[in-house]
Amino acid sequence: MTERGKLEPSDPVHPLVAKEDRLSSKWFYEFCAKYSVDYPDEATPEQQDEYISGMDAIRSRIREEYAAEKALKGE
């Protein structure tokens, strides 16, 4: 048991997970600013489709980078 207020060390986060989080967060804020909404679900259905497409593109990019990383390692 840890002292109150102290955090347990956690497993390291893979750099691509951190990159996906950073890119997703950036896209979220850019999208919301572009359409003057607080959350994507407040946008029109067409705008929401744009948001989803952007998120899909980010995930696809990360998957490609992960596959390339595994290929370099021979996995």
C-alpha atoms as a PDB file:
ATOM      1  CA  MET A   1       0.000   0.000   0.000  1.00  0.00           C
ATOM      2  CA  THR A   2       1.287   3.469  -0.812  1.00  0.00           C
ATOM      3  CA  GLU A   3       1.136   6.578   1.263  1.00  0.00           C
ATOM      4  CA  ARG A   4      -1.884   8.746   0.745  1.00  0.00           C
ATOM      5  CA  GLY A   5      -1.336  11.084  -2.202  1.00  0.00           C
ATOM      6  CA  LYS A   6       1.543   9.053  -3.649  1.00  0.00           C
ATOM      7  CA  LEU A   7       1.195   7.418  -7.023  1.00  0.00           C
ATOM      8  CA  GLU A   8       2.327   3.936  -7.881  1.00  0.00           C
ATOM      9  CA  PRO A   9       4.800   3.749 -10.756  1.00  0.00           C
ATOM     10  CA  SER A  10       3.069   2.605 -13.907  1.00  0.00           C
ATOM     11  CA  ASP A  11       4.201   0.724 -16.952  1.00  0.00           C
ATOM     12  CA  PRO A  12       5.859   2.893 -19.582  1.00  0.00           C
ATOM     13  CA  VAL A  13       3.586   4.137 -22.348  1.00  0.00           C
ATOM     14  CA  HIS A  14       4.531   3.192 -25.894  1.00  0.00           C
ATOM     15  CA  PRO A  15       5.581   6.310 -27.828  1.00  0.00           C
ATOM     16  CA  LEU A  16       2.972   5.650 -30.518  1.00  0.00           C
ATOM     17  CA  VAL A  17       0.204   5.608 -27.894  1.00  0.00           C
ATOM     18  CA  ALA A  18       1.394   8.992 -26.663  1.00  0.00           C
ATOM     19  CA  LYS A  19       1.581  10.241 -30.262  1.00  0.00           C
ATOM     20  CA  GLU A  20      -1.970   9.058 -31.005  1.00  0.00           C
ATOM     21  CA  ASP A  21      -3.235  10.785 -27.865  1.00  0.00           C
ATOM     22  CA  ARG A  22      -1.452  14.006 -28.795  1.00  0.00           C
ATOM     23  CA  LEU A  23      -2.705  13.986 -32.408  1.00  0.00           C
ATOM     24  CA  SER A  24      -6.262  13.089 -31.351  1.00  0.00           C
ATOM     25  CA  SER A  25      -6.319  15.865 -28.800  1.00  0.00           C
ATOM     26  CA  LYS A  26      -4.994  18.371 -31.323  1.00  0.00           C
ATOM     27  CA  TRP A  27      -7.616  17.313 -33.891  1.00  0.00           C
ATOM     28  CA  PHE A  28     -10.370  17.570 -31.260  1.00  0.00           C
ATOM     29  CA  TYR A  29      -9.438  21.151 -30.368  1.00  0.00           C
ATOM     30  CA  GLU A  30      -8.924  22.223 -33.981  1.00  0.00           C
ATOM     31  CA  PHE A  31     -12.286  20.747 -34.958  1.00  0.00           C
ATOM     32  CA  CYS A  32     -14.138  22.378 -32.070  1.00  0.00           C
ATOM     33  CA  ALA A  33     -12.522  25.739 -32.800  1.00  0.00           C
ATOM     34  CA  LYS A  34     -13.279  25.483 -36.516  1.00  0.00           C
ATOM     35  CA  TYR A  35     -16.997  24.891 -35.908  1.00  0.00           C
ATOM     36  CA  SER A  36     -17.331  26.872 -32.667  1.00  0.00           C
ATOM     37  CA  VAL A  37     -18.575  23.904 -30.647  1.00  0.00           C
ATOM     38  CA  ASP A  38     -17.514  22.516 -27.281  1.00  0.00           C
ATOM     39  CA  TYR A  39     -17.802  18.871 -28.349  1.00  0.00           C
ATOM     40  CA  PRO A  40     -18.015  17.179 -31.762  1.00  0.00           C
ATOM     41  CA  ASP A  41     -21.501  15.841 -31.006  1.00  0.00           C
ATOM     42  CA  GLU A  42     -22.736  19.447 -30.994  1.00  0.00           C
ATOM     43  CA  ALA A  43     -21.775  19.848 -34.659  1.00  0.00           C
ATOM     44  CA  THR A  44     -23.962  19.049 -37.648  1.00  0.00           C
ATOM     45  CA  PRO A  45     -24.042  15.430 -38.859  1.00  0.00           C
ATOM     46  CA  GLU A  46     -21.839  16.347 -41.831  1.00  0.00           C
ATOM     47  CA  GLN A  47     -19.321  18.019 -39.534  1.00  0.00           C
ATOM     48  CA  GLN A  48     -19.402  15.002 -37.226  1.00  0.00           C
ATOM     49  CA  ASP A  49     -18.561  12.820 -40.238  1.00  0.00           C
ATOM     50  CA  GLU A  50     -15.540  15.061 -40.847  1.00  0.00           C
ATOM     51  CA  TYR A  51     -14.486  14.623 -37.216  1.00  0.00           C
ATOM     52  CA  ILE A  52     -14.815  10.852 -37.410  1.00  0.00           C
ATOM     53  CA  SER A  53     -12.856  10.772 -40.674  1.00  0.00           C
ATOM     54  CA  GLY A  54     -10.080  12.784 -39.068  1.00  0.00           C
ATOM     55  CA  MET A  55      -9.936  10.430 -36.080  1.00  0.00           C
ATOM     56  CA  ASP A  56      -9.926   7.411 -38.407  1.00  0.00           C
ATOM     57  CA  ALA A  57      -7.021   8.925 -40.354  1.00  0.00           C
ATOM     58  CA  ILE A  58      -5.051   9.421 -37.141  1.00  0.00           C
ATOM     59  CA  ARG A  59      -5.662   5.829 -36.035  1.00  0.00           C
ATOM     60  CA  SER A  60      -4.747   4.521 -39.474  1.00  0.00           C
ATOM     61  CA  ARG A  61      -1.507   6.487 -39.451  1.00  0.00           C
ATOM     62  CA  ILE A  62      -0.576   5.116 -36.020  1.00  0.00           C
ATOM     63  CA  ARG A  63      -1.388   1.536 -37.113  1.00  0.00           C
ATOM     64  CA  GLU A  64       0.868   1.982 -40.162  1.00  0.00           C
ATOM     65  CA  GLU A  65       3.689   3.347 -38.019  1.00  0.00           C
ATOM     66  CA  TYR A  66       3.280   0.457 -35.555  1.00  0.00           C
ATOM     67  CA  ALA A  67       3.338  -2.104 -38.374  1.00  0.00           C
ATOM     68  CA  ALA A  68       6.487  -0.490 -39.791  1.00  0.00           C
ATOM     69  CA  GLU A  69       8.094  -0.550 -36.340  1.00  0.00           C
ATOM     70  CA  LYS A  70       7.286  -4.246 -35.932  1.00  0.00           C
ATOM     71  CA  ALA A  71       8.644  -4.985 -39.418  1.00  0.00           C
ATOM     72  CA  LEU A  72      11.938  -3.295 -38.548  1.00  0.00           C
ATOM     73  CA  LYS A  73      12.184  -5.451 -35.430  1.00  0.00           C
ATOM     74  CA  GLY A  74      11.402  -8.568 -37.481  1.00  0.00           C
ATOM     75  CA  GLU A  75       8.257  -9.416 -35.568  1.00  0.00           C
END
